Amino acid sequence: QAQIVQSGGGLVQPGGSLRLSCTASAFSLKHYAVGWFRQAPGKEYEGVSCINSSDGSSDGSIYYAVTVEGRFTVSRDDAKNTVNLQMNDLTSEDTATYYCGAVPPTLTTERFCGVAPRHIGHWGQGSQVTVSS
């Protein structure tokens, strides 16, 4: 059964770092665009970073939301069938539940990051990130 399992997250002080990982089973993430999305209580759902497929079928581009650019880094480890999100210099505004989602290669990663959740076929279970002193 195709599924995505997330790991990482937790509680960190402002200015700290965390890493989230998204590992797939029964399908290969390199053939998919993968995005990281977050939802916080009372805030809008947001696509924070998206990376296109790494199998040569797309441009392999990466998109970051302006709210995280320069602080978050998305990367692939195709050997482990994993996509990681390194989050540095975290603030309370980053507190949210983070979800990993995967879709077939998209034209632009910016568009993928802005797509509604119902258009994303594969989801991880979510990871809580809490930034607090």
Foldseek 3Di string as FASTA:
>chain_A
DKAKAKDKADEAAAQAKIKMKIAIPPDAQLQWKKWKWWDDVPDDIFTAKIFFHNPPPAPRDMDGDPVQPPFWDWDDDRVRSMIMIIGGRDDQVPFTWMKMFIDGGDHDRVVVRVDDPVVTDHIYPTHTHGYHD
